[in-house]
N, C-alpha and C. Protein backbone atom coordinates (compact mmCIF):
# COMPACT_ATOMS: atom_id res chain seq x y z
N MET A 1 0.87 -1.36 0.12
CA MET A 1 0.11 0.06 -0.02
C MET A 1 1.05 1.13 0.11
N MET A 2 0.62 2.23 -0.77
CA MET A 2 1.50 2.95 -1.05
C MET A 2 0.70 4.38 0.42
N GLN A 3 1.98 5.33 0.61
CA GLN A 3 1.96 6.21 1.79
C GLN A 3 0.42 6.83 1.92
N PHE A 4 -0.28 7.39 0.83
CA PHE A 4 -1.20 7.73 1.10
C PHE A 4 -2.32 7.55 0.90
N ASP A 5 -2.45 5.76 0.32
CA ASP A 5 -3.30 5.37 0.49
C ASP A 5 -3.61 5.05 2.23
N PHE A 6 -2.50 4.95 3.02
CA PHE A 6 -2.56 4.35 4.30
C PHE A 6 -2.93 5.94 4.53
N ILE A 7 -2.76 6.42 4.82
CA ILE A 7 -2.92 8.59 5.62
C ILE A 7 -4.41 7.92 5.09
N GLY A 8 -5.26 7.80 3.65
CA GLY A 8 -6.78 8.10 3.60
C GLY A 8 -7.12 6.91 4.32
N LEU A 9 -6.34 5.44 4.37
CA LEU A 9 -7.43 4.97 5.07
C LEU A 9 -7.06 5.46 6.79
N ILE A 10 -6.18 5.90 7.22
CA ILE A 10 -6.25 6.41 8.71
C ILE A 10 -7.86 7.22 8.73
N VAL A 11 -7.23 8.43 8.07
CA VAL A 11 -8.12 9.64 8.47
C VAL A 11 -9.92 9.53 8.37
N TYR A 12 -9.98 8.44 7.21
CA TYR A 12 -11.51 7.91 7.20
C TYR A 12 -11.73 7.33 7.74
N SER A 13 -11.35 6.17 8.32
CA SER A 13 -11.64 5.52 9.59
C SER A 13 -11.72 6.19 10.34
N LEU A 14 -10.81 7.05 10.76
CA LEU A 14 -11.00 7.81 11.99
C LEU A 14 -12.02 9.05 12.17
N GLY A 15 -12.11 9.42 10.57
CA GLY A 15 -13.74 10.18 10.64
C GLY A 15 -14.95 9.38 11.05
N LEU A 16 -14.92 7.97 10.37
CA LEU A 16 -16.29 7.02 10.61
C LEU A 16 -16.27 7.10 11.94
N LEU A 17 -15.53 6.61 12.88
CA LEU A 17 -15.86 6.31 14.30
C LEU A 17 -15.99 7.94 14.98
N LEU A 18 -15.11 8.90 14.51
CA LEU A 18 -15.67 10.39 15.06
C LEU A 18 -17.26 10.68 14.54
N TRP A 19 -17.54 9.92 13.52
CA TRP A 19 -19.23 10.34 13.38
C TRP A 19 -19.90 10.04 14.40
N PHE A 20 -19.57 9.10 14.58
CA PHE A 20 -20.81 8.40 15.60
C PHE A 20 -21.08 9.44 16.88
N LEU A 21 -19.92 9.71 17.53
CA LEU A 21 -19.53 10.90 18.81
C LEU A 21 -20.12 11.52 18.29
N ILE A 22 -19.94 12.90 17.29
CA ILE A 22 -20.66 13.53 16.54
C ILE A 22 -22.23 13.30 16.71
N TRP A 23 -22.48 12.42 16.12
CA TRP A 23 -24.22 12.11 15.73
C TRP A 23 -24.76 12.25 17.37
N HIS A 24 -24.09 11.54 18.90
CA HIS A 24 -24.74 11.35 19.80
C HIS A 24 -24.39 12.47 20.34
N TYR A 25 -23.42 13.34 20.22
CA TYR A 25 -23.28 14.87 20.80
C TYR A 25 -24.52 15.83 20.27
N LEU A 26 -24.60 16.05 19.04
CA LEU A 26 -25.53 16.70 18.10
C LEU A 26 -26.98 16.32 17.85
N VAL A 27 -26.92 15.24 17.73
CA VAL A 27 -28.37 14.56 17.42
C VAL A 27 -29.19 14.07 18.63
N GLY A 28 -28.05 12.80 18.65
CA GLY A 28 -28.72 11.84 19.52
C GLY A 28 -29.24 10.62 19.21
N TYR A 29 -29.13 9.09 19.76
CA TYR A 29 -29.86 8.11 18.95
C TYR A 29 -30.88 7.67 19.31
N SER A 30 -31.71 8.80 20.31
CA SER A 30 -33.14 8.25 20.65
C SER A 30 -33.98 8.99 19.25
N LEU A 31 -33.66 9.73 19.10
CA LEU A 31 -34.58 10.26 18.08
C LEU A 31 -34.69 10.02 16.67
N LEU A 32 -34.05 8.59 16.48
CA LEU A 32 -33.73 8.05 15.20
C LEU A 32 -34.83 7.30 15.33
N ARG A 33 -35.37 6.79 16.72
CA ARG A 33 -36.40 5.55 16.74
C ARG A 33 -38.10 7.01 16.50
N LYS A 34 -37.88 7.95 17.01
CA LYS A 34 -39.13 8.65 16.61
C LYS A 34 -39.03 9.44 14.95
N LEU A 35 -37.86 9.83 14.78
CA LEU A 35 -37.57 10.17 13.45
C LEU A 35 -37.04 9.55 12.15
N LYS A 36 -37.93 8.52 11.80
CA LYS A 36 -36.52 7.72 10.57
C LYS A 36 -36.35 7.86 9.64
N LEU A 37 -36.68 8.87 9.35
CA LEU A 37 -35.86 9.68 8.01
C LEU A 37 -34.52 9.77 8.31
N LEU A 38 -34.70 10.40 9.85
CA LEU A 38 -32.79 10.21 9.95
C LEU A 38 -31.97 9.29 9.84
N TYR A 39 -32.56 8.22 9.40
CA TYR A 39 -31.27 7.68 9.25
C TYR A 39 -30.78 7.74 8.02
N LEU A 40 -31.55 8.50 6.85
CA LEU A 40 -30.96 8.89 5.89
C LEU A 40 -29.47 9.00 5.92
N ALA A 41 -29.83 10.25 7.05
CA ALA A 41 -28.32 11.14 7.14
C ALA A 41 -27.53 10.47 8.26
N PHE A 42 -27.95 9.60 9.21
CA PHE A 42 -27.00 9.18 9.77
C PHE A 42 -26.37 7.92 9.22
N LEU A 43 -26.89 7.31 8.35
CA LEU A 43 -26.12 6.40 8.18
C LEU A 43 -25.27 6.48 6.20
N GLY A 44 -25.76 7.70 6.20
CA GLY A 44 -25.18 7.91 4.77
C GLY A 44 -23.85 8.57 5.23
N ALA A 45 -23.48 9.38 6.30
CA ALA A 45 -22.47 9.40 6.62
C ALA A 45 -21.08 8.02 6.28
N PRO A 46 -21.05 7.17 7.40
CA PRO A 46 -20.84 6.01 7.41
C PRO A 46 -20.30 5.28 5.87
N PHE A 47 -21.74 5.28 5.35
CA PHE A 47 -21.94 4.95 3.38
C PHE A 47 -20.40 5.62 3.11
N VAL A 48 -20.28 6.88 3.04
CA VAL A 48 -19.65 7.65 2.06
C VAL A 48 -17.81 7.28 2.56
N PHE A 49 -17.95 7.35 4.11
CA PHE A 49 -16.39 7.05 4.95
C PHE A 49 -16.20 5.94 3.87
N ILE A 50 -16.51 4.59 4.45
CA ILE A 50 -16.72 3.13 4.27
C ILE A 50 -16.62 3.51 2.23
N VAL A 51 -16.83 4.09 1.69
CA VAL A 51 -16.94 4.08 0.55
C VAL A 51 -15.44 4.62 0.06
N ASN A 52 -15.06 5.55 0.67
CA ASN A 52 -13.71 6.33 0.59
C ASN A 52 -12.65 5.55 1.19
N ILE A 53 -12.83 4.50 2.11
CA ILE A 53 -11.56 3.72 2.65
C ILE A 53 -11.53 2.65 1.34
N ILE A 54 -12.75 2.14 1.18
CA ILE A 54 -12.57 0.88 -0.10
C ILE A 54 -11.75 1.83 -1.20
N LEU A 55 -11.94 2.79 -1.70
CA LEU A 55 -11.36 3.62 -2.61
C LEU A 55 -10.06 3.72 -2.11
N THR A 56 -9.29 3.84 -1.07
CA THR A 56 -8.01 4.15 -0.89
C THR A 56 -7.45 2.96 -1.16
N PHE A 57 -7.82 1.88 -1.17
CA PHE A 57 -6.95 0.63 -1.66
C PHE A 57 -7.04 0.19 -3.11
N PHE A 58 -7.71 1.18 -3.91
CA PHE A 58 -7.25 1.21 -5.40
C PHE A 58 -6.80 2.25 -5.92
N ALA A 59 -6.68 3.14 -5.66
CA ALA A 59 -6.59 4.78 -6.09
C ALA A 59 -4.82 4.92 -5.93
N ASP A 60 -4.71 5.49 -7.31
CA ASP A 60 -3.25 5.63 -7.70
C ASP A 60 -2.63 7.21 -7.04
N MET A 61 -1.70 7.14 -6.95
CA MET A 61 -1.24 8.73 -6.51
C MET A 61 -1.41 9.49 -7.94
N PRO A 62 -2.31 10.53 -7.46
CA PRO A 62 -2.20 11.33 -8.43
C PRO A 62 -1.22 12.76 -8.53
N GLU A 63 -1.31 12.87 -9.97
CA GLU A 63 0.79 13.57 -10.18
C GLU A 63 0.19 15.27 -9.20
N TYR A 64 1.54 16.06 -8.97
CA TYR A 64 0.85 16.81 -8.01
C TYR A 64 -0.04 17.99 -8.65
N ASN A 65 -0.05 18.20 -10.17
CA ASN A 65 -0.60 19.66 -10.37
C ASN A 65 -1.89 18.98 -10.63
N PHE A 66 -2.50 17.60 -11.45
CA PHE A 66 -3.81 17.45 -10.83
C PHE A 66 -4.47 17.34 -8.99
N GLU A 67 -4.05 17.30 -8.44
CA GLU A 67 -3.94 17.26 -7.16
C GLU A 67 -4.48 18.34 -6.87
N LEU A 68 -3.69 19.81 -7.20
CA LEU A 68 -4.02 21.10 -7.16
C LEU A 68 -5.19 21.26 -7.82
N GLN A 69 -5.41 20.47 -8.70
CA GLN A 69 -6.91 21.00 -9.38
C GLN A 69 -7.77 19.95 -8.33
N LEU A 70 -7.75 19.33 -7.70
CA LEU A 70 -8.95 18.50 -6.78
C LEU A 70 -8.91 19.47 -5.29
N TYR A 71 -7.71 19.73 -4.73
CA TYR A 71 -7.97 20.66 -4.13
C TYR A 71 -8.79 21.37 -3.89
N PRO A 72 -8.79 22.90 -4.69
CA PRO A 72 -9.99 23.35 -4.56
C PRO A 72 -11.35 22.97 -4.62
N TYR A 73 -11.97 21.90 -5.22
CA TYR A 73 -13.31 21.18 -4.97
C TYR A 73 -13.48 20.99 -3.33
N VAL A 74 -13.02 20.35 -3.01
CA VAL A 74 -13.20 20.56 -1.30
C VAL A 74 -14.07 21.72 -0.84
N GLU A 75 -12.68 22.42 -0.85
CA GLU A 75 -12.93 24.19 -0.27
C GLU A 75 -14.26 24.06 -0.99
N GLY A 76 -14.28 24.08 -2.56
CA GLY A 76 -15.45 24.99 -2.86
C GLY A 76 -16.82 24.11 -2.26
N ASN A 77 -16.87 23.13 -2.26
CA ASN A 77 -17.98 22.35 -1.53
C ASN A 77 -18.10 22.90 0.00
N ALA A 78 -17.09 23.36 0.33
CA ALA A 78 -17.69 23.52 1.71
C ALA A 78 -18.06 24.50 1.98
N LYS A 79 -17.56 25.41 0.93
CA LYS A 79 -18.00 26.98 0.74
C LYS A 79 -19.46 26.82 0.85
N THR A 80 -20.08 25.93 -0.06
CA THR A 80 -21.51 25.98 -0.21
C THR A 80 -22.49 25.44 0.52
N VAL A 81 -21.82 24.21 0.89
CA VAL A 81 -22.64 24.12 2.51
C VAL A 81 -22.73 25.12 3.59
N ALA A 82 -21.51 26.23 3.85
CA ALA A 82 -21.54 27.46 4.40
C ALA A 82 -22.78 28.02 4.55
N VAL A 83 -22.50 28.54 2.96
CA VAL A 83 -23.54 29.67 2.52
C VAL A 83 -24.88 29.05 2.86
N LEU A 84 -25.22 27.74 2.18
CA LEU A 84 -26.21 27.38 2.52
C LEU A 84 -26.80 27.31 3.62
N SER A 85 -26.16 26.51 4.45
CA SER A 85 -26.43 26.62 6.34
C SER A 85 -27.16 27.86 6.77
N LEU A 86 -26.13 28.87 6.32
CA LEU A 86 -26.34 30.32 7.24
C LEU A 86 -27.44 30.97 6.31
N ALA A 87 -27.63 30.62 4.95
CA ALA A 87 -28.70 31.00 4.44
C ALA A 87 -30.53 30.86 5.40
N ILE A 88 -30.10 29.15 4.99
CA ILE A 88 -31.46 28.56 5.83
C ILE A 88 -31.76 29.12 6.93
N ALA A 89 -30.79 29.15 7.76
CA ALA A 89 -30.63 29.73 9.56
C ALA A 89 -31.23 30.79 9.66
N VAL A 90 -30.88 32.05 8.40
CA VAL A 90 -31.26 33.32 8.40
C VAL A 90 -32.61 33.18 8.19
N PHE A 91 -32.71 32.60 7.07
CA PHE A 91 -35.13 32.45 6.96
C PHE A 91 -35.73 31.89 7.90
N VAL A 92 -35.01 31.12 8.36
CA VAL A 92 -36.12 30.65 9.62
C VAL A 92 -35.73 31.42 11.00
N VAL A 93 -34.92 32.18 11.09
CA VAL A 93 -35.13 32.72 12.25
C VAL A 93 -35.48 34.22 12.01
N ILE A 94 -35.80 34.34 10.26
CA ILE A 94 -36.67 36.26 9.82
C ILE A 94 -38.04 35.22 10.30
N ARG A 95 -38.22 33.65 9.65
CA ARG A 95 -39.98 33.46 10.08
C ARG A 95 -40.40 33.81 11.17
N ILE A 96 -39.41 33.15 12.28
CA ILE A 96 -40.00 32.92 13.48
C ILE A 96 -40.43 34.52 13.89
N GLY A 97 -39.71 35.61 13.22
CA GLY A 97 -40.26 36.87 14.06
C GLY A 97 -39.64 37.30 15.07
N GLY A 98 -40.97 37.77 16.02
CA GLY A 98 -40.60 38.71 17.06
C GLY A 98 -40.35 37.49 18.15
N LYS A 99 -41.13 36.23 18.21
CA LYS A 99 -40.84 35.53 18.75
C LYS A 99 -38.75 35.01 19.07
N GLN A 100 -38.64 34.52 20.53
CA GLN A 100 -37.75 34.40 21.26
C GLN A 100 -37.56 32.90 20.66
N ILE A 101 -36.69 32.72 20.40
CA ILE A 101 -36.10 31.15 19.96
C ILE A 101 -36.59 30.19 21.18
N ASP A 102 -36.53 30.42 22.04
CA ASP A 102 -36.65 29.74 23.20
C ASP A 102 -38.11 29.45 23.00
N GLU A 103 -38.83 30.64 22.56
CA GLU A 103 -40.45 30.52 23.15
C GLU A 103 -40.88 29.09 21.71
N THR A 104 -39.50 29.07 20.56
CA THR A 104 -40.47 28.23 19.51
C THR A 104 -40.18 26.74 20.01
N LYS A 105 -40.39 25.51 18.59
CA LYS A 105 -40.90 24.29 18.75
C LYS A 105 -39.84 24.02 18.74
N PRO A 106 -39.69 22.30 20.05
CA PRO A 106 -37.96 22.01 20.10
C PRO A 106 -37.33 21.53 18.76
N LEU A 107 -38.43 20.59 18.50
CA LEU A 107 -37.54 20.61 16.77
C LEU A 107 -37.14 21.81 15.88
N ILE A 108 -37.49 22.79 15.66
CA ILE A 108 -37.44 24.22 15.19
C ILE A 108 -35.80 24.47 15.92
N LYS A 109 -35.72 24.33 17.04
CA LYS A 109 -34.37 24.71 18.11
C LYS A 109 -33.41 23.74 17.40
N LEU A 110 -33.81 22.48 17.29
CA LEU A 110 -33.36 21.43 17.39
C LEU A 110 -32.46 21.72 15.76
N PHE A 111 -32.95 21.99 14.60
CA PHE A 111 -33.04 22.25 13.03
C PHE A 111 -32.10 23.52 13.24
N LEU A 112 -32.31 24.60 14.23
CA LEU A 112 -30.82 25.55 13.82
C LEU A 112 -30.25 25.46 14.15
N TRP A 113 -30.05 24.90 15.69
CA TRP A 113 -28.62 23.83 16.33
C TRP A 113 -27.86 23.28 15.23
N LEU A 114 -28.12 22.21 14.84
CA LEU A 114 -27.90 21.41 13.70
C LEU A 114 -27.49 22.61 11.87
N ILE A 115 -28.29 23.13 12.03
CA ILE A 115 -27.77 24.16 10.33
C ILE A 115 -26.49 24.78 10.89
N PHE A 116 -26.55 25.63 12.67
CA PHE A 116 -25.06 26.41 12.92
C PHE A 116 -23.76 25.32 12.95
N TRP A 117 -24.09 24.04 13.39
CA TRP A 117 -23.29 23.51 13.73
C TRP A 117 -22.72 22.90 12.43
N SER A 118 -23.70 22.98 10.85
CA SER A 118 -23.16 22.39 9.72
C SER A 118 -22.69 23.61 9.48
N PHE A 119 -22.56 24.46 9.52
CA PHE A 119 -22.52 25.90 9.04
C PHE A 119 -20.66 26.10 10.01
N LEU A 120 -20.26 25.78 11.47
CA LEU A 120 -19.25 25.66 12.08
C LEU A 120 -18.17 24.97 11.31
N ILE A 121 -18.74 23.54 11.70
CA ILE A 121 -17.92 22.62 10.51
C ILE A 121 -17.68 22.54 9.52
N SER A 122 -18.34 23.27 9.05
CA SER A 122 -17.77 23.49 7.03
C SER A 122 -16.75 24.25 7.15
N ALA A 123 -16.72 25.43 8.05
CA ALA A 123 -15.90 26.75 7.68
C ALA A 123 -15.39 26.80 8.70
N LEU A 124 -15.03 26.28 9.84
CA LEU A 124 -13.96 26.12 10.74
C LEU A 124 -13.23 24.28 10.14
N GLY A 125 -13.52 23.47 9.58
CA GLY A 125 -13.12 22.58 9.47
C GLY A 125 -12.45 22.36 8.58
N THR A 126 -12.93 23.04 6.93
CA THR A 126 -12.39 22.44 5.95
C THR A 126 -11.97 24.36 5.09
N LEU A 127 -12.02 24.99 5.84
CA LEU A 127 -11.94 26.38 5.09
C LEU A 127 -10.59 26.49 5.33
N PRO A 128 -10.04 26.62 6.71
CA PRO A 128 -8.94 26.85 6.94
C PRO A 128 -7.65 26.55 6.16
N LEU A 129 -6.38 27.39 6.09
CA LEU A 129 -5.22 27.10 5.30
C LEU A 129 -4.34 26.83 6.07
N TYR A 130 -3.65 25.49 5.51
CA TYR A 130 -2.77 24.84 5.78
C TYR A 130 -1.54 24.75 5.03
N TRP A 131 -0.54 25.33 5.47
CA TRP A 131 0.61 25.15 4.90
C TRP A 131 1.95 23.80 4.76
N VAL A 132 1.36 22.85 3.81
CA VAL A 132 1.92 22.03 3.34
C VAL A 132 2.98 22.14 2.67
N PRO A 133 4.18 21.20 3.27
CA PRO A 133 5.30 20.89 2.00
C PRO A 133 4.76 20.28 0.68
N SER A 134 5.20 20.91 -0.92
CA SER A 134 5.12 21.15 -1.95
C SER A 134 5.41 19.72 -2.12
N ASP A 135 4.92 18.43 -1.72
CA ASP A 135 5.05 17.37 -2.31
C ASP A 135 3.66 16.57 -2.40
N LYS A 136 3.42 15.62 -3.50
CA LYS A 136 2.46 15.38 -3.84
C LYS A 136 1.70 14.52 -2.00
N TYR A 137 2.30 13.96 -2.04
CA TYR A 137 1.81 13.17 -0.53
C TYR A 137 0.99 13.64 0.52
N TRP A 138 1.71 15.06 0.86
CA TRP A 138 0.98 15.89 1.46
C TRP A 138 -0.36 16.76 0.82
N LEU A 139 -0.51 16.83 -0.15
CA LEU A 139 -1.44 17.61 -0.79
C LEU A 139 -2.33 16.41 -1.03
N THR A 140 -2.51 15.43 -0.75
CA THR A 140 -3.09 14.41 -0.89
C THR A 140 -4.00 14.25 0.18
N SER A 141 -2.97 14.01 1.17
CA SER A 141 -3.36 14.05 3.03
C SER A 141 -4.13 15.17 3.42
N LEU A 142 -3.64 16.24 2.85
CA LEU A 142 -4.42 17.48 2.90
C LEU A 142 -5.98 17.44 2.79
N ARG A 143 -6.07 17.28 1.24
CA ARG A 143 -7.30 16.88 0.78
C ARG A 143 -8.27 15.58 1.61
N HIS A 144 -7.47 14.54 2.26
CA HIS A 144 -8.16 13.69 2.93
C HIS A 144 -8.67 14.23 4.05
N ILE A 145 -8.09 15.03 4.75
CA ILE A 145 -8.35 15.11 6.06
C ILE A 145 -9.35 16.60 5.87
N LYS A 146 -9.45 17.27 5.00
CA LYS A 146 -10.49 18.37 4.91
C LYS A 146 -11.50 17.54 4.10
N SER A 147 -11.71 16.61 3.69
CA SER A 147 -13.06 16.06 3.42
C SER A 147 -14.00 15.65 4.24
N VAL A 148 -13.01 15.31 5.62
CA VAL A 148 -14.16 14.28 6.83
C VAL A 148 -14.83 15.35 7.16
N PRO A 149 -14.64 16.92 7.46
CA PRO A 149 -15.64 17.72 8.18
C PRO A 149 -16.47 17.85 7.07
N LEU A 150 -16.06 18.12 5.62
CA LEU A 150 -17.01 18.48 4.58
C LEU A 150 -18.16 17.21 4.52
N PHE A 151 -17.90 16.11 5.04
CA PHE A 151 -19.11 15.30 5.13
C PHE A 151 -19.56 15.23 6.07
N TYR A 152 -19.04 15.47 7.37
CA TYR A 152 -19.82 15.82 8.74
C TYR A 152 -20.43 17.23 8.38
N SER A 153 -20.70 17.91 7.84
CA SER A 153 -21.30 18.99 7.95
C SER A 153 -22.57 18.89 6.74
N LEU A 154 -22.08 18.23 5.76
CA LEU A 154 -22.89 17.60 4.68
C LEU A 154 -24.51 17.14 5.14
N PHE A 155 -23.88 15.75 6.21
CA PHE A 155 -25.22 15.09 6.71
C PHE A 155 -25.41 15.48 7.79
N ILE A 156 -24.73 16.26 8.85
CA ILE A 156 -25.35 17.04 9.27
C ILE A 156 -26.47 18.18 9.23
N LEU A 157 -26.37 18.88 7.98
CA LEU A 157 -27.36 19.40 7.65
C LEU A 157 -28.31 18.92 6.81
N GLY A 158 -28.16 17.60 5.67
CA GLY A 158 -29.09 16.50 5.91
C GLY A 158 -29.70 16.51 6.84
N ALA A 159 -29.70 16.21 8.07
CA ALA A 159 -30.64 16.06 9.24
C ALA A 159 -31.54 17.06 9.41
N ALA A 160 -30.63 18.17 9.42
CA ALA A 160 -31.35 19.29 9.78
C ALA A 160 -32.66 19.73 8.71
N ILE A 161 -32.32 18.71 7.48
CA ILE A 161 -33.87 19.29 6.79
C ILE A 161 -34.21 18.27 6.68
N ILE A 162 -34.42 17.14 7.34
CA ILE A 162 -35.02 16.37 7.73
C ILE A 162 -36.53 16.48 8.86
N ILE A 163 -35.37 17.16 9.74
CA ILE A 163 -35.97 17.19 11.17
C ILE A 163 -36.93 18.35 10.91
N PHE A 164 -36.83 19.53 10.22
CA PHE A 164 -37.67 20.39 9.30
C PHE A 164 -38.66 19.98 8.81
N MET A 165 -38.53 19.06 7.88
CA MET A 165 -39.80 18.39 7.58
C MET A 165 -40.66 17.83 8.28
N TYR A 166 -40.22 17.11 9.12
CA TYR A 166 -40.88 16.93 10.33
C TYR A 166 -41.66 17.72 11.07
N GLU A 167 -41.15 18.67 11.71
CA GLU A 167 -42.07 19.87 12.33
C GLU A 167 -42.76 20.28 11.13
N THR A 168 -42.84 20.81 9.94
CA THR A 168 -43.56 21.19 9.20
C THR A 168 -44.40 20.35 8.93
N GLY A 169 -44.48 19.19 8.97
CA GLY A 169 -45.66 18.06 8.51
C GLY A 169 -45.93 17.68 7.16
N TYR A 170 -44.86 18.30 6.71
CA TYR A 170 -45.46 18.35 4.94
C TYR A 170 -46.05 16.78 4.32
N LYS A 171 -45.22 15.83 4.54
CA LYS A 171 -45.72 14.25 4.16
C LYS A 171 -47.24 14.69 4.18
N ARG A 172 -47.51 14.52 5.59
CA ARG A 172 -49.02 14.67 6.09
C ARG A 172 -49.97 15.09 5.10
N LYS A 173 -49.50 16.79 5.16
CA LYS A 173 -50.37 17.61 4.06
C LYS A 173 -49.88 17.09 2.77
N ILE A 174 -49.52 16.96 2.38
CA ILE A 174 -49.00 16.87 0.92
C ILE A 174 -50.15 15.30 0.55
N ILE A 175 -49.94 14.17 1.38
CA ILE A 175 -50.71 13.01 0.90
C ILE A 175 -51.86 13.33 1.51
N GLN A 176 -52.58 14.56 2.23
CA GLN A 176 -53.96 15.11 2.48
C GLN A 176 -54.43 15.71 0.88
N GLU A 177 -53.47 16.53 0.70
CA GLU A 177 -53.55 16.87 -0.58
C GLU A 177 -54.04 16.33 -1.68
N VAL A 178 -53.46 15.21 -1.98
CA VAL A 178 -53.29 14.32 -3.02
C VAL A 178 -54.45 13.38 -2.95
N GLU A 179 -54.83 12.77 -1.85
CA GLU A 179 -56.11 12.01 -1.18
C GLU A 179 -57.18 12.85 -2.19
N GLU A 180 -57.51 14.02 -1.55
CA GLU A 180 -58.68 15.23 -1.85
C GLU A 180 -58.60 15.42 -3.29
N THR A 181 -57.35 15.25 -4.23
CA THR A 181 -57.20 16.06 -5.62
C THR A 181 -58.05 15.16 -6.47
N GLU A 182 -59.13 15.88 -7.01
CA GLU A 182 -59.61 14.93 -8.26
C GLU A 182 -58.79 14.79 -9.56
N ILE A 183 -58.57 13.69 -10.15
CA ILE A 183 -57.83 13.22 -11.26
C ILE A 183 -58.96 12.59 -12.49
N TYR A 184 -58.91 13.59 -13.38
CA TYR A 184 -59.76 13.58 -14.33
C TYR A 184 -58.68 12.64 -15.64
N ASP A 185 -58.88 11.61 -16.13
CA ASP A 185 -58.12 10.68 -17.24
C ASP A 185 -58.73 11.12 -18.59
């Protein structure tokens, strides 16, 4: 196994293990029993980590210039998650209006909690600048390291959106509207 494969294997394996602690702290496992769609976010992250772990065994070391092109891709996606998280949070806070956040429903508070954590993990975990030696192994390692918080922020954002969907009751409303709709052939 090449050096960067080993580093990728370690980074993604540790990221996978840390995911379960992050989920425990931010969301909690008891909510999975009540909001079944949260399994999409909860199990989505381990799936991505496992796929990346498997791919480290088959990937060849990319050339330095090619790696330089991949590196901004991770940071660009992190910026997108950060902006999206913040935009959603601002919209919800404006929508709450004059109410204090403490006066809102528990799932809305959890939604905002996760949105802000998604933003923080994306911004603080992926966007900082690291000065690494100009060797292809270091740049590849840095891409692996910065991918982990990107994965966390994506799936935490997904969990927040799922919680918001449950709170708003869209599924019940849509099903009821569809059942009441007359369809003409």
